[in-house]
C-alpha cells in the first residue's frame, strides 16, 4: 500500500466492481466477490492488492506475483499464478489507473483550513515567514527556516536546520537534516505517466514519494517528481543546480553534482560521486556508474560504466567523441578545399 501519510485508503472494492468499472472480464467468474484494498506493482503486491502487467517483459514478475488480482491482456492471462485472478482487458495500465483512483487518493488540504494545520508537529526555533502553508500531520524540525509563500503538504517531514526558499512547494516527501530547497523548486509532484485508454489517453496515478537525504541542495525552479510505485531518492550531500528536472523513480547517489538544465528520465540510477554538466539529458532506465562524468549537453542513451567520462550525442566515451569530432572536422575542411568553382558558385 502507498504511504498512509500521503495517501488516503478508500473502502475496499470487489473484483466484480473493479471489472465493471473498467470493462474488464474476470477470468474466474466465481471470484467476483473477492475484496481488494489497494493497488501495487507486481513485485510489491500482497494478497490484498490488485496489480497490472502491460508488457511481456514483465511476465516473470507476473508469474511470481502475490497480488490478489491483476489486469492483463488476454494473451497474458494464462501466465498469472493460480492465486491471482486475471482481469482481462486490452488496456491493463489504464484499467489499473481507474482502480487506483477508486482505492487510493492523495490527501489534500481541506477547504477553509488554517494556513498552518493544528495537527502539524513543529519543533521550537522554526521560522515561518509570511504566507507559509503547512498541511495536516506535517513535521518540521528545529532550526528550519521556511521562506515567504512556501508550501509544505500533508504528511511531509522536514528535518532540522533546513532552508526552504520562497514559494517552494514540497509534497509527498521526506527531507533529512540540513537540506536546502531554493526558491520556486517543486518537490513531489506527480511524475509523467500516461497510458492509452478506451476514451483516450489517461494519467497514471503516481503513488510513491521523494526522499532527500541529509545535506541535499535543490536549486531554484528545479522539479523532482515523486515515484510511480517506488521512491525517488536523492543521496546525501548531492547538489542540484537551478532548472533541473528529475523524473519519477530516479535514484541518485551521494555527493553528486548536477548542473543547470539537466534532465533525468524515470527509473534511472546514478551512482555516488557522479558529475553532470549543464543540459545533460539521460534516457529512462539508464544506469550511470559511480564516479562517472558526463560533459555538458550530452545525450545519454545507454549505461555508463563507473569512473568513465562521456560526452556528445549520442553520448560515448570522451576519447571516442573527441576523435570522431576531430575526424569530422578534418573531412569537412578537406571537402571544402576540393570544391570546384561551380560548387562554390
C-alpha atoms as a PDB file:
ATOM      1  CA  UNK A   1       0.000   0.000   0.000  1.00  0.00           C
ATOM      2  CA  UNK A   2       1.150   3.597  -0.590  1.00  0.00           C
ATOM      3  CA  UNK A   3       2.427   5.553   2.417  1.00  0.00           C
ATOM      4  CA  UNK A   4      -0.656   6.476   4.510  1.00  0.00           C
ATOM      5  CA  UNK A   5       0.963   9.788   5.452  1.00  0.00           C
ATOM      6  CA  UNK A   6       0.375  10.914   1.886  1.00  0.00           C
ATOM      7  CA  UNK A   7      -2.406   8.721   0.503  1.00  0.00           C
ATOM      8  CA  UNK A   8      -5.901   8.078   1.798  1.00  0.00           C
ATOM      9  CA  UNK A   9      -7.058   4.463   1.662  1.00  0.00           C
ATOM     10  CA  UNK A  10     -10.655   4.274   0.466  1.00  0.00           C
ATOM     11  CA  UNK A  11     -13.143   1.452   1.160  1.00  0.00           C
ATOM     12  CA  UNK A  12     -12.268  -1.971  -0.217  1.00  0.00           C
ATOM     13  CA  UNK A  13     -13.739  -2.964  -3.585  1.00  0.00           C
ATOM     14  CA  UNK A  14     -14.784  -6.295  -5.025  1.00  0.00           C
ATOM     15  CA  UNK A  15     -13.142  -7.626  -8.154  1.00  0.00           C
ATOM     16  CA  UNK A  16     -16.561  -7.568  -9.765  1.00  0.00           C
ATOM     17  CA  UNK A  17     -16.841  -3.840  -9.063  1.00  0.00           C
ATOM     18  CA  UNK A  18     -13.396  -3.132 -10.483  1.00  0.00           C
ATOM     19  CA  UNK A  19     -14.059  -5.240 -13.562  1.00  0.00           C
ATOM     20  CA  UNK A  20     -17.283  -3.345 -14.187  1.00  0.00           C
ATOM     21  CA  UNK A  21     -15.573  -0.022 -13.613  1.00  0.00           C
ATOM     22  CA  UNK A  22     -13.127  -0.564 -16.464  1.00  0.00           C
ATOM     23  CA  UNK A  23     -14.936  -3.079 -18.663  1.00  0.00           C
ATOM     24  CA  UNK A  24     -12.561  -5.942 -17.827  1.00  0.00           C
ATOM     25  CA  UNK A  25     -13.510  -9.622 -17.944  1.00  0.00           C
ATOM     26  CA  UNK A  26     -12.945 -11.837 -14.905  1.00  0.00           C
ATOM     27  CA  UNK A  27     -11.088 -14.998 -15.900  1.00  0.00           C
ATOM     28  CA  UNK A  28     -12.704 -16.636 -12.847  1.00  0.00           C
ATOM     29  CA  UNK A  29     -16.325 -15.507 -12.636  1.00  0.00           C
ATOM     30  CA  UNK A  30     -16.604 -17.063  -9.177  1.00  0.00           C
ATOM     31  CA  UNK A  31     -14.091 -14.581  -7.821  1.00  0.00           C
ATOM     32  CA  UNK A  32     -16.293 -11.530  -8.422  1.00  0.00           C
ATOM     33  CA  UNK A  33     -16.964 -11.134  -4.698  1.00  0.00           C
ATOM     34  CA  UNK A  34     -13.318 -11.242  -3.684  1.00  0.00           C
ATOM     35  CA  UNK A  35     -12.287  -7.978  -2.000  1.00  0.00           C
ATOM     36  CA  UNK A  36      -9.128  -5.941  -2.532  1.00  0.00           C
ATOM     37  CA  UNK A  37      -7.928  -2.956  -0.518  1.00  0.00           C
ATOM     38  CA  UNK A  38      -5.237  -1.321  -2.602  1.00  0.00           C
ATOM     39  CA  UNK A  39      -3.024  -1.237  -5.676  1.00  0.00           C
ATOM     40  CA  UNK A  40       0.642  -2.126  -6.027  1.00  0.00           C
ATOM     41  CA  UNK A  41       3.305  -3.169  -8.504  1.00  0.00           C
ATOM     42  CA  UNK A  42       3.646  -6.844  -9.417  1.00  0.00           C
ATOM     43  CA  UNK A  43       6.670  -7.285  -7.179  1.00  0.00           C
ATOM     44  CA  UNK A  44       5.312  -5.398  -4.158  1.00  0.00           C
ATOM     45  CA  UNK A  45       1.674  -6.562  -4.236  1.00  0.00           C
ATOM     46  CA  UNK A  46       0.153  -8.653  -1.454  1.00  0.00           C
ATOM     47  CA  UNK A  47      -2.973 -10.802  -1.316  1.00  0.00           C
ATOM     48  CA  UNK A  48      -4.938  -7.587  -0.592  1.00  0.00           C
ATOM     49  CA  UNK A  49      -3.816  -5.724  -3.732  1.00  0.00           C
ATOM     50  CA  UNK A  50      -4.572  -5.511  -7.438  1.00  0.00           C
ATOM     51  CA  UNK A  51      -1.708  -5.004  -9.906  1.00  0.00           C
ATOM     52  CA  UNK A  52      -1.266  -4.830 -13.675  1.00  0.00           C
ATOM     53  CA  UNK A  53       1.007  -6.264 -16.350  1.00  0.00           C
ATOM     54  CA  UNK A  54       1.062  -4.482 -19.708  1.00  0.00           C
ATOM     55  CA  UNK A  55       4.331  -5.794 -21.138  1.00  0.00           C
ATOM     56  CA  UNK A  56       5.572  -9.316 -21.854  1.00  0.00           C
ATOM     57  CA  UNK A  57       8.957  -8.274 -20.453  1.00  0.00           C
ATOM     58  CA  UNK A  58       7.351  -8.497 -17.011  1.00  0.00           C
ATOM     59  CA  UNK A  59       5.941 -11.988 -17.497  1.00  0.00           C
ATOM     60  CA  UNK A  60       8.309 -13.448 -14.898  1.00  0.00           C
ATOM     61  CA  UNK A  61       7.119 -10.895 -12.320  1.00  0.00           C
ATOM     62  CA  UNK A  62       3.522 -11.742 -13.207  1.00  0.00           C
ATOM     63  CA  UNK A  63       4.143 -15.439 -12.680  1.00  0.00           C
ATOM     64  CA  UNK A  64       5.668 -14.762  -9.259  1.00  0.00           C
ATOM     65  CA  UNK A  65       3.301 -12.044  -8.009  1.00  0.00           C
ATOM     66  CA  UNK A  66       1.382 -12.348  -4.741  1.00  0.00           C
ATOM     67  CA  UNK A  67      -1.364  -9.978  -5.918  1.00  0.00           C
ATOM     68  CA  UNK A  68      -4.975 -10.947  -5.386  1.00  0.00           C
ATOM     69  CA  UNK A  69      -5.746  -9.937  -8.958  1.00  0.00           C
ATOM     70  CA  UNK A  70      -4.017  -8.433 -11.959  1.00  0.00           C
ATOM     71  CA  UNK A  71      -5.150  -6.513 -15.033  1.00  0.00           C
ATOM     72  CA  UNK A  72      -3.668  -8.329 -18.041  1.00  0.00           C
ATOM     73  CA  UNK A  73      -4.234  -8.745 -21.749  1.00  0.00           C
ATOM     74  CA  UNK A  74      -5.879 -11.911 -22.973  1.00  0.00           C
ATOM     75  CA  UNK A  75      -2.516 -13.226 -24.185  1.00  0.00           C
ATOM     76  CA  UNK A  76      -1.041 -12.871 -20.687  1.00  0.00           C
ATOM     77  CA  UNK A  77      -3.957 -14.266 -18.696  1.00  0.00           C
ATOM     78  CA  UNK A  78      -2.579 -17.796 -18.563  1.00  0.00           C
ATOM     79  CA  UNK A  79       0.701 -16.549 -17.039  1.00  0.00           C
ATOM     80  CA  UNK A  80      -0.972 -15.334 -13.837  1.00  0.00           C
ATOM     81  CA  UNK A  81      -0.464 -17.675 -10.843  1.00  0.00           C
ATOM     82  CA  UNK A  82      -3.398 -19.721  -9.595  1.00  0.00           C
ATOM     83  CA  UNK A  83      -3.957 -17.455  -6.579  1.00  0.00           C
ATOM     84  CA  UNK A  84      -4.074 -14.315  -8.748  1.00  0.00           C
ATOM     85  CA  UNK A  85      -7.326 -13.618 -10.582  1.00  0.00           C
ATOM     86  CA  UNK A  86      -6.798 -12.333 -14.113  1.00  0.00           C
ATOM     87  CA  UNK A  87      -8.820  -9.249 -15.044  1.00  0.00           C
ATOM     88  CA  UNK A  88      -8.635  -9.373 -18.838  1.00  0.00           C
ATOM     89  CA  UNK A  89      -8.600  -6.071 -20.739  1.00  0.00           C
ATOM     90  CA  UNK A  90      -6.872  -4.680 -23.830  1.00  0.00           C
ATOM     91  CA  UNK A  91      -5.656  -1.694 -21.751  1.00  0.00           C
ATOM     92  CA  UNK A  92      -4.243  -3.066 -18.453  1.00  0.00           C
ATOM     93  CA  UNK A  93      -2.417   0.107 -17.447  1.00  0.00           C
ATOM     94  CA  UNK A  94      -5.419   2.377 -17.999  1.00  0.00           C
ATOM     95  CA  UNK A  95      -7.582  -0.119 -16.085  1.00  0.00           C
ATOM     96  CA  UNK A  96      -5.082  -0.055 -13.224  1.00  0.00           C
ATOM     97  CA  UNK A  97      -5.264   3.762 -13.205  1.00  0.00           C
ATOM     98  CA  UNK A  98      -9.045   3.641 -12.734  1.00  0.00           C
ATOM     99  CA  UNK A  99      -8.709   1.055  -9.959  1.00  0.00           C
ATOM    100  CA  UNK A 100      -6.065   3.184  -8.241  1.00  0.00           C
ATOM    101  CA  UNK A 101      -8.384   6.203  -8.261  1.00  0.00           C
ATOM    102  CA  UNK A 102     -11.112   4.052  -6.738  1.00  0.00           C
ATOM    103  CA  UNK A 103      -8.962   2.577  -3.957  1.00  0.00           C
ATOM    104  CA  UNK A 104      -6.452   5.287  -3.082  1.00  0.00           C
ATOM    105  CA  UNK A 105      -6.308   9.082  -3.262  1.00  0.00           C
ATOM    106  CA  UNK A 106      -3.730  11.668  -2.191  1.00  0.00           C
ATOM    107  CA  UNK A 107      -4.501  13.637   0.946  1.00  0.00           C
ATOM    108  CA  UNK A 108      -5.287  17.266   0.223  1.00  0.00           C
ATOM    109  CA  UNK A 109      -5.925  20.425   2.212  1.00  0.00           C
ATOM    110  CA  UNK A 110      -9.478  20.876   3.399  1.00  0.00           C
ATOM    111  CA  UNK A 111     -11.379  23.895   2.127  1.00  0.00           C
ATOM    112  CA  UNK A 112     -11.090  26.738   4.617  1.00  0.00           C
ATOM    113  CA  UNK A 113      -8.305  25.069   6.617  1.00  0.00           C
ATOM    114  CA  UNK A 114      -5.934  27.394   8.513  1.00  0.00           C
ATOM    115  CA  UNK A 115      -2.576  28.121   6.819  1.00  0.00           C
ATOM    116  CA  UNK A 116      -0.745  26.088   9.465  1.00  0.00           C
ATOM    117  CA  UNK A 117      -2.750  23.000  10.363  1.00  0.00           C
ATOM    118  CA  UNK A 118      -3.121  22.385  14.134  1.00  0.00           C
ATOM    119  CA  UNK A 119      -2.066  18.754  13.677  1.00  0.00           C
ATOM    120  CA  UNK A 120       1.340  19.724  12.233  1.00  0.00           C
ATOM    121  CA  UNK A 121       4.298  18.979  14.540  1.00  0.00           C
ATOM    122  CA  UNK A 122       6.651  21.977  14.531  1.00  0.00           C
ATOM    123  CA  UNK A 123       9.690  21.934  16.802  1.00  0.00           C
ATOM    124  CA  UNK A 124      10.985  25.071  18.519  1.00  0.00           C
ATOM    125  CA  UNK A 125      13.090  27.680  16.718  1.00  0.00           C
ATOM    126  CA  UNK A 126      11.339  27.110  13.375  1.00  0.00           C
ATOM    127  CA  UNK A 127      10.870  30.259  11.263  1.00  0.00           C
ATOM    128  CA  UNK A 128       7.598  30.514   9.348  1.00  0.00           C
ATOM    129  CA  UNK A 129       7.677  33.514   7.012  1.00  0.00           C
ATOM    130  CA  UNK A 130       4.516  35.293   5.825  1.00  0.00           C
ATOM    131  CA  UNK A 131       2.283  33.237   3.561  1.00  0.00           C
ATOM    132  CA  UNK A 132       3.655  29.828   4.574  1.00  0.00           C
ATOM    133  CA  UNK A 133       1.226  26.902   4.350  1.00  0.00           C
ATOM    134  CA  UNK A 134       1.793  23.743   6.411  1.00  0.00           C
ATOM    135  CA  UNK A 135      -0.586  20.831   5.887  1.00  0.00           C
ATOM    136  CA  UNK A 136      -2.044  18.252   8.280  1.00  0.00           C
ATOM    137  CA  UNK A 137       0.370  15.922  10.092  1.00  0.00           C
ATOM    138  CA  UNK A 138       3.433  17.607   8.575  1.00  0.00           C
ATOM    139  CA  UNK A 139       6.586  17.605  10.724  1.00  0.00           C
ATOM    140  CA  UNK A 140       9.241  20.317  10.723  1.00  0.00           C
ATOM    141  CA  UNK A 141      12.479  20.043  12.679  1.00  0.00           C
ATOM    142  CA  UNK A 142      14.281  22.514  14.920  1.00  0.00           C
ATOM    143  CA  UNK A 143      16.104  25.431  13.300  1.00  0.00           C
ATOM    144  CA  UNK A 144      14.411  25.130   9.912  1.00  0.00           C
ATOM    145  CA  UNK A 145      13.502  28.303   8.012  1.00  0.00           C
ATOM    146  CA  UNK A 146      10.563  28.474   5.591  1.00  0.00           C
ATOM    147  CA  UNK A 147      10.620  31.430   3.201  1.00  0.00           C
ATOM    148  CA  UNK A 148       7.613  33.541   2.174  1.00  0.00           C
ATOM    149  CA  UNK A 149       4.848  31.572   0.493  1.00  0.00           C
ATOM    150  CA  UNK A 150       6.497  28.167   0.937  1.00  0.00           C
ATOM    151  CA  UNK A 151       4.093  25.201   0.841  1.00  0.00           C
ATOM    152  CA  UNK A 152       4.529  22.028   2.916  1.00  0.00           C
ATOM    153  CA  UNK A 153       1.914  19.415   2.061  1.00  0.00           C
ATOM    154  CA  UNK A 154       0.087  16.880   4.244  1.00  0.00           C
ATOM    155  CA  UNK A 155       2.342  14.334   5.907  1.00  0.00           C
ATOM    156  CA  UNK A 156       5.616  15.890   4.716  1.00  0.00           C
ATOM    157  CA  UNK A 157       8.575  15.503   7.101  1.00  0.00           C
ATOM    158  CA  UNK A 158      11.365  18.110   7.078  1.00  0.00           C
ATOM    159  CA  UNK A 159      14.438  17.602   9.239  1.00  0.00           C
ATOM    160  CA  UNK A 160      16.432  20.064  11.328  1.00  0.00           C
ATOM    161  CA  UNK A 161      18.352  23.139  10.160  1.00  0.00           C
ATOM    162  CA  UNK A 162      16.816  23.104   6.686  1.00  0.00           C
ATOM    163  CA  UNK A 163      16.158  26.137   4.492  1.00  0.00           C
ATOM    164  CA  UNK A 164      13.062  26.170   2.289  1.00  0.00           C
ATOM    165  CA  UNK A 165      13.063  29.051  -0.183  1.00  0.00           C
ATOM    166  CA  UNK A 166      10.276  31.421  -1.129  1.00  0.00           C
ATOM    167  CA  UNK A 167       7.340  29.742  -2.877  1.00  0.00           C
ATOM    168  CA  UNK A 168       8.975  26.343  -2.871  1.00  0.00           C
ATOM    169  CA  UNK A 169       6.435  23.511  -2.986  1.00  0.00           C
ATOM    170  CA  UNK A 170       7.060  20.271  -1.083  1.00  0.00           C
ATOM    171  CA  UNK A 171       4.642  17.367  -1.083  1.00  0.00           C
ATOM    172  CA  UNK A 172       4.812  13.576  -0.716  1.00  0.00           C
ATOM    173  CA  UNK A 173       8.366  13.943   0.560  1.00  0.00           C
ATOM    174  CA  UNK A 174      10.689  13.123   3.448  1.00  0.00           C
ATOM    175  CA  UNK A 175      13.630  15.508   3.916  1.00  0.00           C
ATOM    176  CA  UNK A 176      16.664  14.898   6.102  1.00  0.00           C
ATOM    177  CA  UNK A 177      18.653  17.458   8.094  1.00  0.00           C
ATOM    178  CA  UNK A 178      20.419  20.485   6.541  1.00  0.00           C
ATOM    179  CA  UNK A 179      18.510  20.233   3.271  1.00  0.00           C
ATOM    180  CA  UNK A 180      18.287  23.444   1.221  1.00  0.00           C
ATOM    181  CA  UNK A 181      15.447  23.957  -1.259  1.00  0.00           C
ATOM    182  CA  UNK A 182      15.834  27.191  -3.200  1.00  0.00           C
ATOM    183  CA  UNK A 183      13.039  29.491  -4.338  1.00  0.00           C
ATOM    184  CA  UNK A 184      10.381  28.093  -6.628  1.00  0.00           C
ATOM    185  CA  UNK A 185      11.553  24.480  -6.556  1.00  0.00           C
ATOM    186  CA  UNK A 186       8.823  21.846  -6.696  1.00  0.00           C
ATOM    187  CA  UNK A 187       9.356  18.561  -4.865  1.00  0.00           C
ATOM    188  CA  UNK A 188       6.944  15.624  -5.063  1.00  0.00           C
ATOM    189  CA  UNK A 189       4.545  16.492  -7.866  1.00  0.00           C
ATOM    190  CA  UNK A 190       3.359  13.532  -9.993  1.00  0.00           C
ATOM    191  CA  UNK A 191       5.855  12.017 -12.388  1.00  0.00           C
ATOM    192  CA  UNK A 192       4.969  11.813 -16.070  1.00  0.00           C
ATOM    193  CA  UNK A 193       2.913   8.699 -16.648  1.00  0.00           C
ATOM    194  CA  UNK A 194       0.166   8.162 -19.197  1.00  0.00           C
ATOM    195  CA  UNK A 195      -1.496   5.248 -20.960  1.00  0.00           C
ATOM    196  CA  UNK A 196      -3.948   4.767 -23.792  1.00  0.00           C
ATOM    197  CA  UNK A 197      -7.467   4.024 -22.600  1.00  0.00           C
ATOM    198  CA  UNK A 198     -10.777   3.321 -24.325  1.00  0.00           C
ATOM    199  CA  UNK A 199     -11.652   7.032 -24.225  1.00  0.00           C
ATOM    200  CA  UNK A 200      -8.200   8.391 -24.968  1.00  0.00           C
ATOM    201  CA  UNK A 201      -5.001   8.939 -23.004  1.00  0.00           C
ATOM    202  CA  UNK A 202      -5.305   8.833 -19.203  1.00  0.00           C
ATOM    203  CA  UNK A 203      -2.946   9.841 -16.402  1.00  0.00           C
ATOM    204  CA  UNK A 204      -1.398   7.031 -14.363  1.00  0.00           C
ATOM    205  CA  UNK A 205      -1.584   7.746 -10.608  1.00  0.00           C
ATOM    206  CA  UNK A 206       1.849   8.276  -9.063  1.00  0.00           C
ATOM    207  CA  UNK A 207       1.812   6.667  -5.621  1.00  0.00           C
ATOM    208  CA  UNK A 208       5.426   6.908  -4.468  1.00  0.00           C
ATOM    209  CA  UNK A 209       7.402   9.508  -2.534  1.00  0.00           C
ATOM    210  CA  UNK A 210      10.515  11.691  -2.756  1.00  0.00           C
ATOM    211  CA  UNK A 211      13.319  11.152  -0.243  1.00  0.00           C
ATOM    212  CA  UNK A 212      16.030  13.814   0.097  1.00  0.00           C
ATOM    213  CA  UNK A 213      18.817  12.690   2.404  1.00  0.00           C
ATOM    214  CA  UNK A 214      20.908  14.903   4.697  1.00  0.00           C
ATOM    215  CA  UNK A 215      22.712  17.854   3.142  1.00  0.00           C
ATOM    216  CA  UNK A 216      20.986  17.812  -0.258  1.00  0.00           C
ATOM    217  CA  UNK A 217      20.653  21.128  -2.106  1.00  0.00           C
ATOM    218  CA  UNK A 218      17.999  21.689  -4.785  1.00  0.00           C
ATOM    219  CA  UNK A 219      18.326  24.786  -6.974  1.00  0.00           C
ATOM    220  CA  UNK A 220      15.698  27.369  -7.848  1.00  0.00           C
ATOM    221  CA  UNK A 221      12.812  26.237 -10.066  1.00  0.00           C
ATOM    222  CA  UNK A 222      14.042  22.648 -10.203  1.00  0.00           C
ATOM    223  CA  UNK A 223      11.498  19.819 -10.149  1.00  0.00           C
ATOM    224  CA  UNK A 224      11.834  16.387  -8.551  1.00  0.00           C
ATOM    225  CA  UNK A 225       8.926  14.043  -9.297  1.00  0.00           C
ATOM    226  CA  UNK A 226       7.626  11.541  -6.787  1.00  0.00           C
ATOM    227  CA  UNK A 227       7.843   7.867  -7.661  1.00  0.00           C
ATOM    228  CA  UNK A 228       5.217   5.943  -9.577  1.00  0.00           C
ATOM    229  CA  UNK A 229       5.399   2.913  -7.251  1.00  0.00           C
ATOM    230  CA  UNK A 230       8.770   3.113  -5.529  1.00  0.00           C
ATOM    231  CA  UNK A 231      10.539   6.244  -4.260  1.00  0.00           C
ATOM    232  CA  UNK A 232      12.585   8.924  -5.979  1.00  0.00           C
ATOM    233  CA  UNK A 233      15.741   9.186  -3.855  1.00  0.00           C
ATOM    234  CA  UNK A 234      18.472  11.839  -3.787  1.00  0.00           C
ATOM    235  CA  UNK A 235      21.543  10.759  -1.818  1.00  0.00           C
ATOM    236  CA  UNK A 236      23.344  12.542   0.976  1.00  0.00           C
ATOM    237  CA  UNK A 237      25.158  15.796   0.144  1.00  0.00           C
ATOM    238  CA  UNK A 238      24.200  15.787  -3.545  1.00  0.00           C
ATOM    239  CA  UNK A 239      23.987  19.282  -5.036  1.00  0.00           C
ATOM    240  CA  UNK A 240      21.446  20.116  -7.750  1.00  0.00           C
ATOM    241  CA  UNK A 241      21.610  23.368  -9.733  1.00  0.00           C
ATOM    242  CA  UNK A 242      18.720  25.554 -10.901  1.00  0.00           C
ATOM    243  CA  UNK A 243      16.198  24.387 -13.519  1.00  0.00           C
ATOM    244  CA  UNK A 244      16.920  20.667 -13.231  1.00  0.00           C
ATOM    245  CA  UNK A 245      14.233  18.042 -13.941  1.00  0.00           C
ATOM    246  CA  UNK A 246      14.381  14.653 -12.192  1.00  0.00           C
ATOM    247  CA  UNK A 247      11.755  12.093 -13.191  1.00  0.00           C
ATOM    248  CA  UNK A 248       9.913   9.505 -11.138  1.00  0.00           C
ATOM    249  CA  UNK A 249      11.714   6.552  -9.515  1.00  0.00           C
ATOM    250  CA  UNK A 250      15.142   8.085 -10.182  1.00  0.00           C
ATOM    251  CA  UNK A 251      17.841   7.167  -7.662  1.00  0.00           C
ATOM    252  CA  UNK A 252      20.849   9.487  -7.347  1.00  0.00           C
ATOM    253  CA  UNK A 253      23.734   8.577  -5.071  1.00  0.00           C
ATOM    254  CA  UNK A 254      25.748  10.597  -2.570  1.00  0.00           C
ATOM    255  CA  UNK A 255      27.964  13.603  -3.359  1.00  0.00           C
ATOM    256  CA  UNK A 256      26.787  14.041  -6.939  1.00  0.00           C
ATOM    257  CA  UNK A 257      26.814  17.374  -8.808  1.00  0.00           C
ATOM    258  CA  UNK A 258      24.101  18.213 -11.371  1.00  0.00           C
ATOM    259  CA  UNK A 259      24.469  21.444 -13.360  1.00  0.00           C
ATOM    260  CA  UNK A 260      21.583  23.575 -14.654  1.00  0.00           C
ATOM    261  CA  UNK A 261      19.089  22.341 -17.243  1.00  0.00           C
ATOM    262  CA  UNK A 262      19.953  18.688 -16.659  1.00  0.00           C
ATOM    263  CA  UNK A 263      17.049  16.336 -17.363  1.00  0.00           C
ATOM    264  CA  UNK A 264      16.927  12.786 -15.976  1.00  0.00           C
ATOM    265  CA  UNK A 265      14.187  10.455 -17.189  1.00  0.00           C
ATOM    266  CA  UNK A 266      12.317   7.994 -14.994  1.00  0.00           C
ATOM    267  CA  UNK A 267      13.852   4.955 -13.285  1.00  0.00           C
ATOM    268  CA  UNK A 268      17.444   5.998 -13.990  1.00  0.00           C
ATOM    269  CA  UNK A 269      20.081   5.100 -11.378  1.00  0.00           C
ATOM    270  CA  UNK A 270      23.116   7.350 -10.854  1.00  0.00           C
ATOM    271  CA  UNK A 271      25.917   6.171  -8.579  1.00  0.00           C
ATOM    272  CA  UNK A 272      27.841   8.058  -5.908  1.00  0.00           C
ATOM    273  CA  UNK A 273      30.155  10.898  -6.852  1.00  0.00           C
ATOM    274  CA  UNK A 274      28.910  11.497 -10.408  1.00  0.00           C
ATOM    275  CA  UNK A 275      29.202  14.877 -12.161  1.00  0.00           C
ATOM    276  CA  UNK A 276      26.719  16.012 -14.826  1.00  0.00           C
ATOM    277  CA  UNK A 277      27.399  19.135 -16.883  1.00  0.00           C
ATOM    278  CA  UNK A 278      24.794  21.650 -17.925  1.00  0.00           C
ATOM    279  CA  UNK A 279      21.944  20.499 -20.180  1.00  0.00           C
ATOM    280  CA  UNK A 280      22.780  16.796 -19.900  1.00  0.00           C
ATOM    281  CA  UNK A 281      19.854  14.588 -20.907  1.00  0.00           C
ATOM    282  CA  UNK A 282      19.548  10.971 -19.737  1.00  0.00           C
ATOM    283  CA  UNK A 283      17.020   8.494 -21.140  1.00  0.00           C
ATOM    284  CA  UNK A 284      14.871   6.318 -18.877  1.00  0.00           C
ATOM    285  CA  UNK A 285      16.064   3.090 -17.194  1.00  0.00           C
ATOM    286  CA  UNK A 286      19.735   4.038 -17.608  1.00  0.00           C
ATOM    287  CA  UNK A 287      22.447   3.169 -15.063  1.00  0.00           C
ATOM    288  CA  UNK A 288      25.358   5.582 -14.565  1.00  0.00           C
ATOM    289  CA  UNK A 289      28.169   4.019 -12.549  1.00  0.00           C
ATOM    290  CA  UNK A 290      29.805   5.666  -9.510  1.00  0.00           C
ATOM    291  CA  UNK A 291      32.283   8.420 -10.273  1.00  0.00           C
ATOM    292  CA  UNK A 292      31.215   8.871 -13.894  1.00  0.00           C
ATOM    293  CA  UNK A 293      31.427  12.298 -15.535  1.00  0.00           C
ATOM    294  CA  UNK A 294      29.120  13.497 -18.301  1.00  0.00           C
ATOM    295  CA  UNK A 295      30.017  16.542 -20.397  1.00  0.00           C
ATOM    296  CA  UNK A 296      27.611  19.422 -20.917  1.00  0.00           C
ATOM    297  CA  UNK A 297      24.789  18.906 -23.447  1.00  0.00           C
ATOM    298  CA  UNK A 298      25.469  15.161 -23.728  1.00  0.00           C
ATOM    299  CA  UNK A 299      22.569  12.862 -24.596  1.00  0.00           C
ATOM    300  CA  UNK A 300      22.901   9.588 -22.689  1.00  0.00           C
ATOM    301  CA  UNK A 301      21.108   6.668 -24.355  1.00  0.00           C
ATOM    302  CA  UNK A 302      22.861   3.688 -22.749  1.00  0.00           C
ATOM    303  CA  UNK A 303      24.546   2.702 -19.478  1.00  0.00           C
ATOM    304  CA  UNK A 304      27.811   4.390 -18.474  1.00  0.00           C
ATOM    305  CA  UNK A 305      30.395   2.293 -16.573  1.00  0.00           C
ATOM    306  CA  UNK A 306      31.829   3.504 -13.282  1.00  0.00           C
ATOM    307  CA  UNK A 307      34.540   6.145 -13.444  1.00  0.00           C
ATOM    308  CA  UNK A 308      34.276   6.878 -17.170  1.00  0.00           C
ATOM    309  CA  UNK A 309      33.912  10.298 -18.824  1.00  0.00           C
ATOM    310  CA  UNK A 310      31.367  10.584 -21.651  1.00  0.00           C
ATOM    311  CA  UNK A 311      30.145  13.346 -23.940  1.00  0.00           C
ATOM    312  CA  UNK A 312      28.382  14.093 -27.209  1.00  0.00           C
ATOM    313  CA  UNK A 313      25.101  12.972 -28.726  1.00  0.00           C
ATOM    314  CA  UNK A 314      24.535  10.139 -28.531  1.00  0.00           C
ATOM    315  CA  UNK A 315      26.966  10.078 -25.625  1.00  0.00           C
ATOM    316  CA  UNK A 316      30.095   7.925 -25.846  1.00  0.00           C
ATOM    317  CA  UNK A 317      33.494   7.971 -24.152  1.00  0.00           C
ATOM    318  CA  UNK A 318      35.233  11.336 -24.252  1.00  0.00           C
ATOM    319  CA  UNK A 319      38.205   9.932 -26.161  1.00  0.00           C
ATOM    320  CA  UNK A 320      35.972   8.456 -28.854  1.00  0.00           C
ATOM    321  CA  UNK A 321      33.808  11.589 -29.024  1.00  0.00           C
ATOM    322  CA  UNK A 322      36.816  13.894 -29.411  1.00  0.00           C
ATOM    323  CA  UNK A 323      38.444  11.654 -32.028  1.00  0.00           C
ATOM    324  CA  UNK A 324      35.234  11.452 -34.059  1.00  0.00           C
ATOM    325  CA  UNK A 325      34.699  15.207 -33.795  1.00  0.00           C
ATOM    326  CA  UNK A 326      38.284  15.872 -34.947  1.00  0.00           C
ATOM    327  CA  UNK A 327      37.903  13.414 -37.846  1.00  0.00           C
ATOM    328  CA  UNK A 328      34.666  15.014 -38.993  1.00  0.00           C
ATOM    329  CA  UNK A 329      36.297  18.441 -38.805  1.00  0.00           C
ATOM    330  CA  UNK A 330      39.215  17.293 -40.980  1.00  0.00           C
ATOM    331  CA  UNK A 331      36.849  15.698 -43.516  1.00  0.00           C
ATOM    332  CA  UNK A 332      34.778  18.882 -43.680  1.00  0.00           C
ATOM    333  CA  UNK A 333      37.882  21.013 -44.303  1.00  0.00           C
ATOM    334  CA  UNK A 334      39.181  18.585 -46.926  1.00  0.00           C
ATOM    335  CA  UNK A 335      35.856  18.524 -48.757  1.00  0.00           C
ATOM    336  CA  UNK A 336      35.662  22.287 -48.664  1.00  0.00           C
ATOM    337  CA  UNK A 337      39.128  22.574 -50.184  1.00  0.00           C
ATOM    338  CA  UNK A 338      38.327  20.329 -53.158  1.00  0.00           C
ATOM    339  CA  UNK A 339      35.139  22.022 -54.286  1.00  0.00           C
ATOM    340  CA  UNK A 340      35.058  23.167 -57.872  1.00  0.00           C
ATOM    341  CA  UNK A 341      34.431  26.720 -58.902  1.00  0.00           C
ATOM    342  CA  UNK A 342      30.924  25.672 -59.939  1.00  0.00           C
ATOM    343  CA  UNK A 343      30.277  24.181 -56.413  1.00  0.00           C
ATOM    344  CA  UNK A 344      31.454  27.427 -54.805  1.00  0.00           C
ATOM    345  CA  UNK A 345      29.077  29.376 -57.013  1.00  0.00           C
END
